[in-house]
Amino acid sequence: MTGRDEFGLIEWSAWNQEYDGLRWHDVLRNGVMDEAWQRRLEEATVRGRPLGSDSFVEALERQLGCRLRPQRAGRPAKKTQALEGQQMGLEIVN
């Protein structure tokens, strides 16, 4: 094993966009789990969202009285009114 893709089986473009030699060295030195944690922390910071378990975020939402988790994108779906047991009739006209 040389650490090289001698047969061209690996597509490197996504990896090359994320890492350079120095950053990859840091990942290997600090560990993949630390890298994943750091990425999650950066994402939460950029988006302004809390980072923690569901129960932690729920407790924060209760204390602050507002929603902290992202909601679905777009407008809320319209609620359809129930016919309340009424059946629509169909009249056929010739």
C-alpha atoms as a PDB file:
ATOM      1  CA  MET A   1       0.000   0.000   0.000  1.00  0.00           C
ATOM      2  CA  THR A   2       1.456   3.327  -1.060  1.00  0.00           C
ATOM      3  CA  GLY A   3      -1.413   5.628  -0.152  1.00  0.00           C
ATOM      4  CA  ARG A   4      -1.869   6.380  -3.839  1.00  0.00           C
ATOM      5  CA  ASP A   5      -4.662   5.408  -6.210  1.00  0.00           C
ATOM      6  CA  GLU A   6      -2.579   3.724  -8.878  1.00  0.00           C
ATOM      7  CA  PHE A   7      -5.625   2.446 -10.800  1.00  0.00           C
ATOM      8  CA  GLY A   8      -7.689   5.653 -10.749  1.00  0.00           C
ATOM      9  CA  LEU A   9     -10.563   4.088  -8.804  1.00  0.00           C
ATOM     10  CA  ILE A  10     -11.105   6.984  -6.394  1.00  0.00           C
ATOM     11  CA  GLU A  11     -12.737  10.275  -7.377  1.00  0.00           C
ATOM     12  CA  TRP A  12     -10.775  12.894  -5.411  1.00  0.00           C
ATOM     13  CA  SER A  13     -12.513  16.187  -6.293  1.00  0.00           C
ATOM     14  CA  ALA A  14     -14.775  16.340  -3.201  1.00  0.00           C
ATOM     15  CA  TRP A  15     -11.890  15.415  -0.893  1.00  0.00           C
ATOM     16  CA  ASN A  16      -9.632  18.006  -2.498  1.00  0.00           C
ATOM     17  CA  GLN A  17     -12.270  20.704  -1.940  1.00  0.00           C
ATOM     18  CA  GLU A  18     -12.419  19.912   1.800  1.00  0.00           C
ATOM     19  CA  TYR A  19      -8.816  19.163   2.633  1.00  0.00           C
ATOM     20  CA  ASP A  20      -5.343  20.276   1.838  1.00  0.00           C
ATOM     21  CA  GLY A  21      -2.207  18.605   3.175  1.00  0.00           C
ATOM     22  CA  LEU A  22      -2.108  20.684   6.370  1.00  0.00           C
ATOM     23  CA  ARG A  23      -5.777  20.210   7.209  1.00  0.00           C
ATOM     24  CA  TRP A  24      -5.603  16.463   6.564  1.00  0.00           C
ATOM     25  CA  HIS A  25      -2.526  16.293   8.806  1.00  0.00           C
ATOM     26  CA  ASP A  26      -4.544  18.002  11.574  1.00  0.00           C
ATOM     27  CA  VAL A  27      -7.432  15.551  11.116  1.00  0.00           C
ATOM     28  CA  LEU A  28      -5.102  12.595  11.439  1.00  0.00           C
ATOM     29  CA  ARG A  29      -3.325  14.145  14.428  1.00  0.00           C
ATOM     30  CA  ASN A  30      -6.499  15.162  16.293  1.00  0.00           C
ATOM     31  CA  GLY A  31      -8.657  12.251  15.233  1.00  0.00           C
ATOM     32  CA  VAL A  32     -11.632  11.893  12.955  1.00  0.00           C
ATOM     33  CA  MET A  33     -14.105  12.212  15.843  1.00  0.00           C
ATOM     34  CA  ASP A  34     -12.590  15.543  16.879  1.00  0.00           C
ATOM     35  CA  GLU A  35     -12.844  16.719  13.268  1.00  0.00           C
ATOM     36  CA  ALA A  36     -16.525  15.711  13.118  1.00  0.00           C
ATOM     37  CA  TRP A  37     -17.220  17.478  16.433  1.00  0.00           C
ATOM     38  CA  GLN A  38     -15.441  20.613  15.246  1.00  0.00           C
ATOM     39  CA  ARG A  39     -17.457  20.646  12.010  1.00  0.00           C
ATOM     40  CA  ARG A  40     -20.748  20.284  13.926  1.00  0.00           C
ATOM     41  CA  LEU A  41     -19.731  23.105  16.272  1.00  0.00           C
ATOM     42  CA  GLU A  42     -18.784  25.387  13.368  1.00  0.00           C
ATOM     43  CA  GLU A  43     -22.075  24.658  11.579  1.00  0.00           C
ATOM     44  CA  ALA A  44     -24.149  25.360  14.703  1.00  0.00           C
ATOM     45  CA  THR A  45     -22.248  28.591  15.299  1.00  0.00           C
ATOM     46  CA  VAL A  46     -22.670  29.820  11.724  1.00  0.00           C
ATOM     47  CA  ARG A  47     -26.390  28.980  11.716  1.00  0.00           C
ATOM     48  CA  GLY A  48     -27.006  30.344  15.210  1.00  0.00           C
ATOM     49  CA  ARG A  49     -28.404  27.033  16.469  1.00  0.00           C
ATOM     50  CA  PRO A  50     -27.638  25.331  19.784  1.00  0.00           C
ATOM     51  CA  LEU A  51     -25.500  22.213  19.701  1.00  0.00           C
ATOM     52  CA  GLY A  52     -26.639  19.440  21.998  1.00  0.00           C
ATOM     53  CA  SER A  53     -28.958  16.510  22.458  1.00  0.00           C
ATOM     54  CA  ASP A  54     -32.683  16.720  21.699  1.00  0.00           C
ATOM     55  CA  SER A  55     -33.494  16.903  25.405  1.00  0.00           C
ATOM     56  CA  PHE A  56     -30.978  19.746  25.869  1.00  0.00           C
ATOM     57  CA  VAL A  57     -32.474  21.753  22.984  1.00  0.00           C
ATOM     58  CA  GLU A  58     -36.034  21.067  24.226  1.00  0.00           C
ATOM     59  CA  ALA A  59     -35.088  22.356  27.691  1.00  0.00           C
ATOM     60  CA  LEU A  60     -33.619  25.516  26.137  1.00  0.00           C
ATOM     61  CA  GLU A  61     -36.767  26.030  24.062  1.00  0.00           C
ATOM     62  CA  ARG A  62     -38.948  25.733  27.185  1.00  0.00           C
ATOM     63  CA  GLN A  63     -36.761  28.139  29.161  1.00  0.00           C
ATOM     64  CA  LEU A  64     -36.555  30.723  26.396  1.00  0.00           C
ATOM     65  CA  GLY A  65     -40.129  30.286  25.167  1.00  0.00           C
ATOM     66  CA  CYS A  66     -39.128  30.077  21.517  1.00  0.00           C
ATOM     67  CA  ARG A  67     -38.291  27.479  18.895  1.00  0.00           C
ATOM     68  CA  LEU A  68     -34.559  26.924  18.350  1.00  0.00           C
ATOM     69  CA  ARG A  69     -34.634  23.981  15.955  1.00  0.00           C
ATOM     70  CA  PRO A  70     -35.082  24.629  12.249  1.00  0.00           C
ATOM     71  CA  GLN A  71     -38.564  24.325  10.835  1.00  0.00           C
ATOM     72  CA  ARG A  72     -39.547  22.967   7.455  1.00  0.00           C
ATOM     73  CA  ALA A  73     -38.854  25.364   4.611  1.00  0.00           C
ATOM     74  CA  GLY A  74     -41.691  27.096   2.790  1.00  0.00           C
ATOM     75  CA  ARG A  75     -45.190  28.140   3.677  1.00  0.00           C
ATOM     76  CA  PRO A  76     -47.264  25.986   6.006  1.00  0.00           C
ATOM     77  CA  ALA A  77     -49.747  23.734   4.209  1.00  0.00           C
ATOM     78  CA  LYS A  78     -53.336  24.959   4.124  1.00  0.00           C
ATOM     79  CA  LYS A  79     -55.665  23.121   6.451  1.00  0.00           C
ATOM     80  CA  THR A  80     -58.664  21.593   4.718  1.00  0.00           C
ATOM     81  CA  GLN A  81     -62.017  21.961   6.392  1.00  0.00           C
ATOM     82  CA  ALA A  82     -63.707  18.723   7.285  1.00  0.00           C
ATOM     83  CA  LEU A  83     -67.140  18.195   5.778  1.00  0.00           C
ATOM     84  CA  GLU A  84     -68.405  17.216   9.241  1.00  0.00           C
ATOM     85  CA  GLY A  85     -70.302  14.149   8.132  1.00  0.00           C
ATOM     86  CA  GLN A  86     -71.888  15.816   5.122  1.00  0.00           C
ATOM     87  CA  GLN A  87     -71.860  13.984   1.858  1.00  0.00           C
ATOM     88  CA  MET A  88     -71.722  15.862  -1.392  1.00  0.00           C
ATOM     89  CA  GLY A  89     -74.409  15.014  -3.931  1.00  0.00           C
ATOM     90  CA  LEU A  90     -73.894  14.652  -7.643  1.00  0.00           C
ATOM     91  CA  GLU A  91     -76.609  15.791  -9.983  1.00  0.00           C
ATOM     92  CA  ILE A  92     -76.565  14.621 -13.589  1.00  0.00           C
ATOM     93  CA  VAL A  93     -78.252  16.978 -16.040  1.00  0.00           C
ATOM     94  CA  ASN A  94     -79.111  15.976 -19.624  1.00  0.00           C
END
